[in-house]
Amino acid sequence: MDENSQNYGIVLTTVSSQSEGRAIASALIEAHLAACVSMMPVHSIYTWQGQVNSDQEWQLAIKTNLALFDPLSAKIKELHSYELPEIIALPIVAGFPPYLNWIAENIKQNIQ
């Protein structure tokens, strides 16, 4: 395991449209809460309010320092259209050091 990777992670959320995803991604980048947000179209099958649903969505993979999870999560909730948005964090257990340094440089003003 790379010692430098232990603070870094990917936060996942799904949104209803590409435009909503772009708005959330832009806000996170502009606030320096994330270094990069990748957007991918996905098809989700899930249970909501007792019914099985099948929807086209966009998944956002947000690269960040997990020390920023609380403000990042708050920003997502502020902008998200879902009543109960998915906001989960996965740690990066190893990573290419120059890439991890790039993440750090792009969010450093938020890390004390």
PDB file of N, CA and C in Angstrom:
ATOM      1  N   MET A   1       0.842  -1.186   0.000  1.00  0.00           N
ATOM      2  CA  MET A   1       0.000   0.000   0.000  1.00  0.00           C
ATOM      3  C   MET A   1       0.874   1.232   0.000  1.00  0.00           C
ATOM      4  N   ASP A   2       0.498   2.200  -0.792  1.00  0.00           N
ATOM      5  CA  ASP A   2       1.201   3.473  -0.890  1.00  0.00           C
ATOM      6  C   ASP A   2       0.811   4.344   0.304  1.00  0.00           C
ATOM      7  N   GLU A   3       1.785   4.763   1.093  1.00  0.00           N
ATOM      8  CA  GLU A   3       1.517   5.583   2.276  1.00  0.00           C
ATOM      9  C   GLU A   3       0.742   6.850   1.930  1.00  0.00           C
ATOM     10  N   ASN A   4       1.033   7.461   0.784  1.00  0.00           N
ATOM     11  CA  ASN A   4       0.388   8.710   0.407  1.00  0.00           C
ATOM     12  C   ASN A   4      -1.051   8.536  -0.042  1.00  0.00           C
ATOM     13  N   SER A   5      -1.465   7.313  -0.339  1.00  0.00           N
ATOM     14  CA  SER A   5      -2.797   7.121  -0.882  1.00  0.00           C
ATOM     15  C   SER A   5      -3.865   7.001   0.200  1.00  0.00           C
ATOM     16  N   GLN A   6      -3.484   6.863   1.459  1.00  0.00           N
ATOM     17  CA  GLN A   6      -4.480   6.560   2.480  1.00  0.00           C
ATOM     18  C   GLN A   6      -5.511   7.662   2.704  1.00  0.00           C
ATOM     19  N   ASN A   7      -5.231   8.897   2.357  1.00  0.00           N
ATOM     20  CA  ASN A   7      -6.208   9.971   2.519  1.00  0.00           C
ATOM     21  C   ASN A   7      -7.067  10.177   1.286  1.00  0.00           C
ATOM     22  N   TYR A   8      -6.720   9.567   0.189  1.00  0.00           N
ATOM     23  CA  TYR A   8      -7.414   9.822  -1.065  1.00  0.00           C
ATOM     24  C   TYR A   8      -8.496   8.788  -1.321  1.00  0.00           C
ATOM     25  N   GLY A   9      -9.514   9.208  -2.040  1.00  0.00           N
ATOM     26  CA  GLY A   9     -10.590   8.284  -2.337  1.00  0.00           C
ATOM     27  C   GLY A   9     -11.426   8.770  -3.487  1.00  0.00           C
ATOM     28  N   ILE A  10     -12.409   7.958  -3.818  1.00  0.00           N
ATOM     29  CA  ILE A  10     -13.376   8.271  -4.863  1.00  0.00           C
ATOM     30  C   ILE A  10     -14.749   8.283  -4.208  1.00  0.00           C
ATOM     31  N   VAL A  11     -15.450   9.377  -4.384  1.00  0.00           N
ATOM     32  CA  VAL A  11     -16.817   9.488  -3.899  1.00  0.00           C
ATOM     33  C   VAL A  11     -17.727   9.260  -5.095  1.00  0.00           C
ATOM     34  N   LEU A  12     -18.717   8.403  -4.917  1.00  0.00           N
ATOM     35  CA  LEU A  12     -19.656   8.084  -5.990  1.00  0.00           C
ATOM     36  C   LEU A  12     -21.020   8.674  -5.694  1.00  0.00           C
ATOM     37  N   THR A  13     -21.646   9.193  -6.724  1.00  0.00           N
ATOM     38  CA  THR A  13     -23.044   9.601  -6.665  1.00  0.00           C
ATOM     39  C   THR A  13     -23.645   9.386  -8.043  1.00  0.00           C
ATOM     40  N   THR A  14     -24.946   9.150  -8.084  1.00  0.00           N
ATOM     41  CA  THR A  14     -25.653   9.062  -9.360  1.00  0.00           C
ATOM     42  C   THR A  14     -26.657  10.205  -9.427  1.00  0.00           C
ATOM     43  N   VAL A  15     -26.874  10.697 -10.641  1.00  0.00           N
ATOM     44  CA  VAL A  15     -27.805  11.803 -10.869  1.00  0.00           C
ATOM     45  C   VAL A  15     -28.726  11.447 -12.027  1.00  0.00           C
ATOM     46  N   SER A  16     -29.798  12.224 -12.150  1.00  0.00           N
ATOM     47  CA  SER A  16     -30.830  11.893 -13.136  1.00  0.00           C
ATOM     48  C   SER A  16     -30.498  12.323 -14.561  1.00  0.00           C
ATOM     49  N   SER A  17     -29.558  13.280 -14.704  1.00  0.00           N
ATOM     50  CA  SER A  17     -29.285  13.773 -16.060  1.00  0.00           C
ATOM     51  C   SER A  17     -27.831  14.224 -16.193  1.00  0.00           C
ATOM     52  N   GLN A  18     -27.389  14.296 -17.424  1.00  0.00           N
ATOM     53  CA  GLN A  18     -26.035  14.763 -17.699  1.00  0.00           C
ATOM     54  C   GLN A  18     -25.874  16.217 -17.238  1.00  0.00           C
ATOM     55  N   SER A  19     -26.885  17.035 -17.442  1.00  0.00           N
ATOM     56  CA  SER A  19     -26.772  18.447 -17.044  1.00  0.00           C
ATOM     57  C   SER A  19     -26.676  18.597 -15.527  1.00  0.00           C
ATOM     58  N   GLU A  20     -27.413  17.794 -14.784  1.00  0.00           N
ATOM     59  CA  GLU A  20     -27.299  17.826 -13.326  1.00  0.00           C
ATOM     60  C   GLU A  20     -25.904  17.374 -12.897  1.00  0.00           C
ATOM     61  N   GLY A  21     -25.395  16.341 -13.531  1.00  0.00           N
ATOM     62  CA  GLY A  21     -24.051  15.863 -13.237  1.00  0.00           C
ATOM     63  C   GLY A  21     -22.995  16.920 -13.505  1.00  0.00           C
ATOM     64  N   ARG A  22     -23.123  17.605 -14.631  1.00  0.00           N
ATOM     65  CA  ARG A  22     -22.170  18.674 -14.964  1.00  0.00           C
ATOM     66  C   ARG A  22     -22.228  19.803 -13.943  1.00  0.00           C
ATOM     67  N   ALA A  23     -23.422  20.165 -13.505  1.00  0.00           N
ATOM     68  CA  ALA A  23     -23.568  21.244 -12.526  1.00  0.00           C
ATOM     69  C   ALA A  23     -22.907  20.871 -11.197  1.00  0.00           C
ATOM     70  N   ILE A  24     -23.139  19.650 -10.740  1.00  0.00           N
ATOM     71  CA  ILE A  24     -22.526  19.202  -9.487  1.00  0.00           C
ATOM     72  C   ILE A  24     -21.016  19.094  -9.646  1.00  0.00           C
ATOM     73  N   ALA A  25     -20.568  18.500 -10.745  1.00  0.00           N
ATOM     74  CA  ALA A  25     -19.130  18.353 -10.982  1.00  0.00           C
ATOM     75  C   ALA A  25     -18.443  19.713 -11.022  1.00  0.00           C
ATOM     76  N   SER A  26     -19.011  20.653 -11.745  1.00  0.00           N
ATOM     77  CA  SER A  26     -18.409  21.989 -11.840  1.00  0.00           C
ATOM     78  C   SER A  26     -18.335  22.671 -10.485  1.00  0.00           C
ATOM     79  N   ALA A  27     -19.391  22.552  -9.697  1.00  0.00           N
ATOM     80  CA  ALA A  27     -19.401  23.174  -8.370  1.00  0.00           C
ATOM     81  C   ALA A  27     -18.327  22.575  -7.469  1.00  0.00           C
ATOM     82  N   LEU A  28     -18.135  21.266  -7.530  1.00  0.00           N
ATOM     83  CA  LEU A  28     -17.118  20.606  -6.702  1.00  0.00           C
ATOM     84  C   LEU A  28     -15.713  21.017  -7.123  1.00  0.00           C
ATOM     85  N   ILE A  29     -15.487  21.111  -8.423  1.00  0.00           N
ATOM     86  CA  ILE A  29     -14.173  21.519  -8.930  1.00  0.00           C
ATOM     87  C   ILE A  29     -13.897  22.976  -8.581  1.00  0.00           C
ATOM     88  N   GLU A  30     -14.873  23.837  -8.818  1.00  0.00           N
ATOM     89  CA  GLU A  30     -14.687  25.266  -8.532  1.00  0.00           C
ATOM     90  C   GLU A  30     -14.445  25.535  -7.052  1.00  0.00           C
ATOM     91  N   ALA A  31     -15.041  24.725  -6.176  1.00  0.00           N
ATOM     92  CA  ALA A  31     -14.855  24.878  -4.728  1.00  0.00           C
ATOM     93  C   ALA A  31     -13.594  24.169  -4.232  1.00  0.00           C
ATOM     94  N   HIS A  32     -12.846  23.549  -5.134  1.00  0.00           N
ATOM     95  CA  HIS A  32     -11.642  22.785  -4.794  1.00  0.00           C
ATOM     96  C   HIS A  32     -11.930  21.674  -3.784  1.00  0.00           C
ATOM     97  N   LEU A  33     -13.116  21.078  -3.897  1.00  0.00           N
ATOM     98  CA  LEU A  33     -13.470  19.927  -3.080  1.00  0.00           C
ATOM     99  C   LEU A  33     -13.110  18.627  -3.796  1.00  0.00           C
ATOM    100  N   ALA A  34     -12.829  18.720  -5.085  1.00  0.00           N
ATOM    101  CA  ALA A  34     -12.451  17.568  -5.900  1.00  0.00           C
ATOM    102  C   ALA A  34     -11.423  18.018  -6.926  1.00  0.00           C
ATOM    103  N   ALA A  35     -10.548  17.100  -7.290  1.00  0.00           N
ATOM    104  CA  ALA A  35      -9.556  17.382  -8.326  1.00  0.00           C
ATOM    105  C   ALA A  35     -10.098  17.031  -9.704  1.00  0.00           C
ATOM    106  N   CYS A  36     -10.986  16.038  -9.761  1.00  0.00           N
ATOM    107  CA  CYS A  36     -11.512  15.548 -11.031  1.00  0.00           C
ATOM    108  C   CYS A  36     -12.844  14.855 -10.769  1.00  0.00           C
ATOM    109  N   VAL A  37     -13.766  15.009 -11.696  1.00  0.00           N
ATOM    110  CA  VAL A  37     -15.030  14.272 -11.640  1.00  0.00           C
ATOM    111  C   VAL A  37     -15.232  13.625 -13.004  1.00  0.00           C
ATOM    112  N   SER A  38     -15.302  12.308 -13.017  1.00  0.00           N
ATOM    113  CA  SER A  38     -15.587  11.574 -14.251  1.00  0.00           C
ATOM    114  C   SER A  38     -17.067  11.224 -14.260  1.00  0.00           C
ATOM    115  N   MET A  39     -17.702  11.397 -15.424  1.00  0.00           N
ATOM    116  CA  MET A  39     -19.126  11.116 -15.569  1.00  0.00           C
ATOM    117  C   MET A  39     -19.334   9.993 -16.575  1.00  0.00           C
ATOM    118  N   MET A  40     -20.170   9.032 -16.177  1.00  0.00           N
ATOM    119  CA  MET A  40     -20.454   7.899 -17.043  1.00  0.00           C
ATOM    120  C   MET A  40     -21.948   7.609 -17.057  1.00  0.00           C
ATOM    121  N   PRO A  41     -22.531   7.343 -18.225  1.00  0.00           N
ATOM    122  CA  PRO A  41     -23.935   6.919 -18.233  1.00  0.00           C
ATOM    123  C   PRO A  41     -24.039   5.505 -17.665  1.00  0.00           C
ATOM    124  N   VAL A  42     -25.041   5.272 -16.843  1.00  0.00           N
ATOM    125  CA  VAL A  42     -25.261   3.950 -16.244  1.00  0.00           C
ATOM    126  C   VAL A  42     -26.749   3.639 -16.282  1.00  0.00           C
ATOM    127  N   HIS A  43     -27.052   2.369 -16.157  1.00  0.00           N
ATOM    128  CA  HIS A  43     -28.440   1.943 -16.010  1.00  0.00           C
ATOM    129  C   HIS A  43     -28.566   1.336 -14.625  1.00  0.00           C
ATOM    130  N   SER A  44     -29.445   1.897 -13.801  1.00  0.00           N
ATOM    131  CA  SER A  44     -29.601   1.449 -12.420  1.00  0.00           C
ATOM    132  C   SER A  44     -30.936   0.733 -12.230  1.00  0.00           C
ATOM    133  N   ILE A  45     -30.880  -0.386 -11.537  1.00  0.00           N
ATOM    134  CA  ILE A  45     -32.085  -1.117 -11.127  1.00  0.00           C
ATOM    135  C   ILE A  45     -32.045  -1.139  -9.609  1.00  0.00           C
ATOM    136  N   TYR A  46     -33.095  -0.615  -8.989  1.00  0.00           N
ATOM    137  CA  TYR A  46     -33.085  -0.430  -7.541  1.00  0.00           C
ATOM    138  C   TYR A  46     -34.510  -0.433  -7.001  1.00  0.00           C
ATOM    139  N   THR A  47     -34.622  -0.606  -5.694  1.00  0.00           N
ATOM    140  CA  THR A  47     -35.911  -0.528  -5.027  1.00  0.00           C
ATOM    141  C   THR A  47     -36.042   0.835  -4.375  1.00  0.00           C
ATOM    142  N   TRP A  48     -37.147   1.517  -4.613  1.00  0.00           N
ATOM    143  CA  TRP A  48     -37.427   2.805  -3.985  1.00  0.00           C
ATOM    144  C   TRP A  48     -38.906   2.839  -3.622  1.00  0.00           C
ATOM    145  N   GLN A  49     -39.172   3.094  -2.367  1.00  0.00           N
ATOM    146  CA  GLN A  49     -40.522   3.177  -1.828  1.00  0.00           C
ATOM    147  C   GLN A  49     -41.347   1.941  -2.190  1.00  0.00           C
ATOM    148  N   GLY A  50     -40.701   0.773  -2.026  1.00  0.00           N
ATOM    149  CA  GLY A  50     -41.381  -0.501  -2.213  1.00  0.00           C
ATOM    150  C   GLY A  50     -41.545  -0.965  -3.639  1.00  0.00           C
ATOM    151  N   GLN A  51     -41.027  -0.206  -4.610  1.00  0.00           N
ATOM    152  CA  GLN A  51     -41.170  -0.599  -6.003  1.00  0.00           C
ATOM    153  C   GLN A  51     -39.804  -0.730  -6.662  1.00  0.00           C
ATOM    154  N   VAL A  52     -39.697  -1.706  -7.566  1.00  0.00           N
ATOM    155  CA  VAL A  52     -38.474  -1.870  -8.333  1.00  0.00           C
ATOM    156  C   VAL A  52     -38.497  -0.878  -9.488  1.00  0.00           C
ATOM    157  N   ASN A  53     -37.411  -0.131  -9.617  1.00  0.00           N
ATOM    158  CA  ASN A  53     -37.263   0.873 -10.665  1.00  0.00           C
ATOM    159  C   ASN A  53     -36.089   0.511 -11.567  1.00  0.00           C
ATOM    160  N   SER A  54     -36.143   0.987 -12.785  1.00  0.00           N
ATOM    161  CA  SER A  54     -35.087   0.777 -13.762  1.00  0.00           C
ATOM    162  C   SER A  54     -34.922   2.088 -14.518  1.00  0.00           C
ATOM    163  N   ASP A  55     -33.784   2.775 -14.287  1.00  0.00           N
ATOM    164  CA  ASP A  55     -33.603   4.117 -14.841  1.00  0.00           C
ATOM    165  C   ASP A  55     -32.222   4.323 -15.441  1.00  0.00           C
ATOM    166  N   GLN A  56     -32.189   5.174 -16.458  1.00  0.00           N
ATOM    167  CA  GLN A  56     -30.927   5.675 -16.984  1.00  0.00           C
ATOM    168  C   GLN A  56     -30.471   6.794 -16.050  1.00  0.00           C
ATOM    169  N   GLU A  57     -29.225   6.749 -15.629  1.00  0.00           N
ATOM    170  CA  GLU A  57     -28.661   7.763 -14.757  1.00  0.00           C
ATOM    171  C   GLU A  57     -27.242   8.072 -15.214  1.00  0.00           C
ATOM    172  N   TRP A  58     -26.633   9.035 -14.557  1.00  0.00           N
ATOM    173  CA  TRP A  58     -25.226   9.351 -14.749  1.00  0.00           C
ATOM    174  C   TRP A  58     -24.511   9.134 -13.425  1.00  0.00           C
ATOM    175  N   GLN A  59     -23.413   8.405 -13.460  1.00  0.00           N
ATOM    176  CA  GLN A  59     -22.625   8.199 -12.252  1.00  0.00           C
ATOM    177  C   GLN A  59     -21.427   9.139 -12.272  1.00  0.00           C
ATOM    178  N   LEU A  60     -21.208   9.798 -11.146  1.00  0.00           N
ATOM    179  CA  LEU A  60     -20.062  10.680 -10.976  1.00  0.00           C
ATOM    180  C   LEU A  60     -19.045   9.972 -10.094  1.00  0.00           C
ATOM    181  N   ALA A  61     -17.805   9.877 -10.564  1.00  0.00           N
ATOM    182  CA  ALA A  61     -16.680   9.352  -9.790  1.00  0.00           C
ATOM    183  C   ALA A  61     -15.816  10.554  -9.443  1.00  0.00           C
ATOM    184  N   ILE A  62     -15.842  10.932  -8.178  1.00  0.00           N
ATOM    185  CA  ILE A  62     -15.247  12.175  -7.705  1.00  0.00           C
ATOM    186  C   ILE A  62     -13.941  11.861  -6.991  1.00  0.00           C
ATOM    187  N   LYS A  63     -12.809  12.348  -7.533  1.00  0.00           N
ATOM    188  CA  LYS A  63     -11.505  12.094  -6.933  1.00  0.00           C
ATOM    189  C   LYS A  63     -11.183  13.219  -5.956  1.00  0.00           C
ATOM    190  N   THR A  64     -10.883  12.838  -4.696  1.00  0.00           N
ATOM    191  CA  THR A  64     -10.702  13.840  -3.659  1.00  0.00           C
ATOM    192  C   THR A  64      -9.856  13.295  -2.512  1.00  0.00           C
ATOM    193  N   ASN A  65      -9.627  14.139  -1.528  1.00  0.00           N
ATOM    194  CA  ASN A  65      -9.066  13.727  -0.246  1.00  0.00           C
ATOM    195  C   ASN A  65     -10.268  13.468   0.649  1.00  0.00           C
ATOM    196  N   LEU A  66     -10.330  12.308   1.266  1.00  0.00           N
ATOM    197  CA  LEU A  66     -11.506  11.950   2.051  1.00  0.00           C
ATOM    198  C   LEU A  66     -11.680  12.814   3.292  1.00  0.00           C
ATOM    199  N   ALA A  67     -10.682  13.600   3.643  1.00  0.00           N
ATOM    200  CA  ALA A  67     -10.844  14.573   4.725  1.00  0.00           C
ATOM    201  C   ALA A  67     -11.882  15.625   4.341  1.00  0.00           C
ATOM    202  N   LEU A  68     -12.170  15.743   3.052  1.00  0.00           N
ATOM    203  CA  LEU A  68     -13.148  16.713   2.559  1.00  0.00           C
ATOM    204  C   LEU A  68     -14.536  16.110   2.374  1.00  0.00           C
ATOM    205  N   PHE A  69     -14.746  14.879   2.844  1.00  0.00           N
ATOM    206  CA  PHE A  69     -16.023  14.209   2.597  1.00  0.00           C
ATOM    207  C   PHE A  69     -17.219  15.017   3.099  1.00  0.00           C
ATOM    208  N   ASP A  70     -17.158  15.566   4.305  1.00  0.00           N
ATOM    209  CA  ASP A  70     -18.316  16.283   4.852  1.00  0.00           C
ATOM    210  C   ASP A  70     -18.703  17.505   4.022  1.00  0.00           C
ATOM    211  N   PRO A  71     -17.777  18.427   3.712  1.00  0.00           N
ATOM    212  CA  PRO A  71     -18.194  19.557   2.874  1.00  0.00           C
ATOM    213  C   PRO A  71     -18.557  19.141   1.445  1.00  0.00           C
ATOM    214  N   LEU A  72     -17.884  18.120   0.917  1.00  0.00           N
ATOM    215  CA  LEU A  72     -18.203  17.626  -0.419  1.00  0.00           C
ATOM    216  C   LEU A  72     -19.615  17.044  -0.431  1.00  0.00           C
ATOM    217  N   SER A  73     -19.925  16.241   0.563  1.00  0.00           N
ATOM    218  CA  SER A  73     -21.256  15.645   0.674  1.00  0.00           C
ATOM    219  C   SER A  73     -22.322  16.725   0.827  1.00  0.00           C
ATOM    220  N   ALA A  74     -22.038  17.742   1.627  1.00  0.00           N
ATOM    221  CA  ALA A  74     -22.995  18.844   1.809  1.00  0.00           C
ATOM    222  C   ALA A  74     -23.260  19.572   0.492  1.00  0.00           C
ATOM    223  N   LYS A  75     -22.211  19.780  -0.309  1.00  0.00           N
ATOM    224  CA  LYS A  75     -22.374  20.455  -1.603  1.00  0.00           C
ATOM    225  C   LYS A  75     -23.205  19.595  -2.555  1.00  0.00           C
ATOM    226  N   ILE A  76     -22.954  18.290  -2.562  1.00  0.00           N
ATOM    227  CA  ILE A  76     -23.749  17.399  -3.413  1.00  0.00           C
ATOM    228  C   ILE A  76     -25.222  17.468  -3.000  1.00  0.00           C
ATOM    229  N   LYS A  77     -25.496  17.346  -1.693  1.00  0.00           N
ATOM    230  CA  LYS A  77     -26.883  17.380  -1.209  1.00  0.00           C
ATOM    231  C   LYS A  77     -27.561  18.694  -1.557  1.00  0.00           C
ATOM    232  N   GLU A  78     -26.835  19.786  -1.494  1.00  0.00           N
ATOM    233  CA  GLU A  78     -27.381  21.110  -1.817  1.00  0.00           C
ATOM    234  C   GLU A  78     -27.858  21.188  -3.265  1.00  0.00           C
ATOM    235  N   LEU A  79     -27.131  20.546  -4.176  1.00  0.00           N
ATOM    236  CA  LEU A  79     -27.395  20.670  -5.609  1.00  0.00           C
ATOM    237  C   LEU A  79     -28.170  19.497  -6.205  1.00  0.00           C
ATOM    238  N   HIS A  80     -28.300  18.404  -5.474  1.00  0.00           N
ATOM    239  CA  HIS A  80     -28.859  17.161  -5.995  1.00  0.00           C
ATOM    240  C   HIS A  80     -30.382  17.199  -6.035  1.00  0.00           C
ATOM    241  N   SER A  81     -30.960  16.617  -7.064  1.00  0.00           N
ATOM    242  CA  SER A  81     -32.418  16.597  -7.215  1.00  0.00           C
ATOM    243  C   SER A  81     -33.080  15.426  -6.489  1.00  0.00           C
ATOM    244  N   TYR A  82     -32.319  14.405  -6.112  1.00  0.00           N
ATOM    245  CA  TYR A  82     -32.925  13.233  -5.473  1.00  0.00           C
ATOM    246  C   TYR A  82     -33.223  13.505  -4.001  1.00  0.00           C
ATOM    247  N   GLU A  83     -34.297  12.909  -3.523  1.00  0.00           N
ATOM    248  CA  GLU A  83     -34.647  12.986  -2.106  1.00  0.00           C
ATOM    249  C   GLU A  83     -33.578  12.288  -1.256  1.00  0.00           C
ATOM    250  N   LEU A  84     -33.067  11.169  -1.761  1.00  0.00           N
ATOM    251  CA  LEU A  84     -32.056  10.389  -1.049  1.00  0.00           C
ATOM    252  C   LEU A  84     -30.912  10.061  -2.010  1.00  0.00           C
ATOM    253  N   PRO A  85     -29.975  10.991  -2.199  1.00  0.00           N
ATOM    254  CA  PRO A  85     -28.885  10.730  -3.153  1.00  0.00           C
ATOM    255  C   PRO A  85     -27.874   9.716  -2.609  1.00  0.00           C
ATOM    256  N   GLU A  86     -27.347   8.917  -3.521  1.00  0.00           N
ATOM    257  CA  GLU A  86     -26.209   8.057  -3.190  1.00  0.00           C
ATOM    258  C   GLU A  86     -24.998   8.971  -3.022  1.00  0.00           C
ATOM    259  N   ILE A  87     -24.341   8.879  -1.882  1.00  0.00           N
ATOM    260  CA  ILE A  87     -23.076   9.574  -1.665  1.00  0.00           C
ATOM    261  C   ILE A  87     -22.231   8.620  -0.833  1.00  0.00           C
ATOM    262  N   ILE A  88     -21.338   7.891  -1.505  1.00  0.00           N
ATOM    263  CA  ILE A  88     -20.500   6.917  -0.803  1.00  0.00           C
ATOM    264  C   ILE A  88     -19.039   7.142  -1.172  1.00  0.00           C
ATOM    265  N   ALA A  89     -18.165   6.831  -0.240  1.00  0.00           N
ATOM    266  CA  ALA A  89     -16.731   7.030  -0.457  1.00  0.00           C
ATOM    267  C   ALA A  89     -16.009   5.692  -0.450  1.00  0.00           C
ATOM    268  N   LEU A  90     -15.094   5.548  -1.378  1.00  0.00           N
ATOM    269  CA  LEU A  90     -14.243   4.364  -1.474  1.00  0.00           C
ATOM    270  C   LEU A  90     -12.796   4.828  -1.352  1.00  0.00           C
ATOM    271  N   PRO A  91     -12.020   4.226  -0.463  1.00  0.00           N
ATOM    272  CA  PRO A  91     -10.624   4.656  -0.332  1.00  0.00           C
ATOM    273  C   PRO A  91      -9.779   4.191  -1.504  1.00  0.00           C
ATOM    274  N   ILE A  92      -8.790   4.984  -1.843  1.00  0.00           N
ATOM    275  CA  ILE A  92      -7.774   4.561  -2.801  1.00  0.00           C
ATOM    276  C   ILE A  92      -6.676   3.909  -1.969  1.00  0.00           C
ATOM    277  N   VAL A  93      -6.473   2.616  -2.141  1.00  0.00           N
ATOM    278  CA  VAL A  93      -5.500   1.908  -1.317  1.00  0.00           C
ATOM    279  C   VAL A  93      -4.088   1.958  -1.897  1.00  0.00           C
ATOM    280  N   ALA A  94      -3.975   2.276  -3.158  1.00  0.00           N
ATOM    281  CA  ALA A  94      -2.673   2.459  -3.805  1.00  0.00           C
ATOM    282  C   ALA A  94      -2.894   3.326  -5.031  1.00  0.00           C
ATOM    283  N   GLY A  95      -1.870   4.095  -5.379  1.00  0.00           N
ATOM    284  CA  GLY A  95      -2.020   4.961  -6.544  1.00  0.00           C
ATOM    285  C   GLY A  95      -0.678   5.430  -7.064  1.00  0.00           C
ATOM    286  N   PHE A  96      -0.674   5.861  -8.302  1.00  0.00           N
ATOM    287  CA  PHE A  96       0.508   6.404  -8.952  1.00  0.00           C
ATOM    288  C   PHE A  96       0.858   7.713  -8.248  1.00  0.00           C
ATOM    289  N   PRO A  97       2.006   7.800  -7.570  1.00  0.00           N
ATOM    290  CA  PRO A  97       2.326   8.986  -6.762  1.00  0.00           C
ATOM    291  C   PRO A  97       2.168  10.330  -7.479  1.00  0.00           C
ATOM    292  N   PRO A  98       2.601  10.476  -8.734  1.00  0.00           N
ATOM    293  CA  PRO A  98       2.383  11.772  -9.385  1.00  0.00           C
ATOM    294  C   PRO A  98       0.891  12.125  -9.528  1.00  0.00           C
ATOM    295  N   TYR A  99       0.047  11.128  -9.744  1.00  0.00           N
ATOM    296  CA  TYR A  99      -1.397  11.384  -9.838  1.00  0.00           C
ATOM    297  C   TYR A  99      -1.956  11.806  -8.481  1.00  0.00           C
ATOM    298  N   LEU A 100      -1.538  11.123  -7.418  1.00  0.00           N
ATOM    299  CA  LEU A 100      -1.994  11.494  -6.082  1.00  0.00           C
ATOM    300  C   LEU A 100      -1.523  12.896  -5.718  1.00  0.00           C
ATOM    301  N   ASN A 101      -0.320  13.245  -6.132  1.00  0.00           N
ATOM    302  CA  ASN A 101       0.182  14.607  -5.898  1.00  0.00           C
ATOM    303  C   ASN A 101      -0.663  15.625  -6.648  1.00  0.00           C
ATOM    304  N   TRP A 102      -1.095  15.267  -7.855  1.00  0.00           N
ATOM    305  CA  TRP A 102      -1.961  16.158  -8.636  1.00  0.00           C
ATOM    306  C   TRP A 102      -3.293  16.386  -7.917  1.00  0.00           C
ATOM    307  N   ILE A 103      -3.871  15.321  -7.359  1.00  0.00           N
ATOM    308  CA  ILE A 103      -5.097  15.485  -6.571  1.00  0.00           C
ATOM    309  C   ILE A 103      -4.836  16.469  -5.438  1.00  0.00           C
ATOM    310  N   ALA A 104      -3.751  16.248  -4.709  1.00  0.00           N
ATOM    311  CA  ALA A 104      -3.413  17.107  -3.562  1.00  0.00           C
ATOM    312  C   ALA A 104      -3.281  18.565  -3.974  1.00  0.00           C
ATOM    313  N   GLU A 105      -2.610  18.810  -5.080  1.00  0.00           N
ATOM    314  CA  GLU A 105      -2.398  20.188  -5.540  1.00  0.00           C
ATOM    315  C   GLU A 105      -3.703  20.901  -5.886  1.00  0.00           C
ATOM    316  N   ASN A 106      -4.667  20.148  -6.376  1.00  0.00           N
ATOM    317  CA  ASN A 106      -5.924  20.747  -6.812  1.00  0.00           C
ATOM    318  C   ASN A 106      -6.950  20.936  -5.703  1.00  0.00           C
ATOM    319  N   ILE A 107      -6.685  20.379  -4.539  1.00  0.00           N
ATOM    320  CA  ILE A 107      -7.621  20.560  -3.413  1.00  0.00           C
ATOM    321  C   ILE A 107      -6.925  21.124  -2.182  1.00  0.00           C
ATOM    322  N   LYS A 108      -5.642  21.462  -2.293  1.00  0.00           N
ATOM    323  CA  LYS A 108      -4.834  21.802  -1.123  1.00  0.00           C
ATOM    324  C   LYS A 108      -5.358  22.982  -0.321  1.00  0.00           C
ATOM    325  N   GLN A 109      -6.031  23.934  -0.953  1.00  0.00           N
ATOM    326  CA  GLN A 109      -6.497  25.088  -0.191  1.00  0.00           C
ATOM    327  C   GLN A 109      -7.584  24.708   0.809  1.00  0.00           C
ATOM    328  N   ASN A 110      -8.203  23.543   0.665  1.00  0.00           N
ATOM    329  CA  ASN A 110      -9.233  23.093   1.595  1.00  0.00           C
ATOM    330  C   ASN A 110      -8.699  22.169   2.689  1.00  0.00           C
ATOM    331  N   ILE A 111      -7.467  21.739   2.571  1.00  0.00           N
ATOM    332  CA  ILE A 111      -6.873  20.845   3.564  1.00  0.00           C
ATOM    333  C   ILE A 111      -5.981  21.682   4.484  1.00  0.00           C
ATOM    334  N   GLN A 112      -6.263  21.611   5.762  1.00  0.00           N
ATOM    335  CA  GLN A 112      -5.473  22.398   6.726  1.00  0.00           C
ATOM    336  C   GLN A 112      -4.250  21.620   7.151  1.00  0.00           C
TER     337      GLN A 112
END
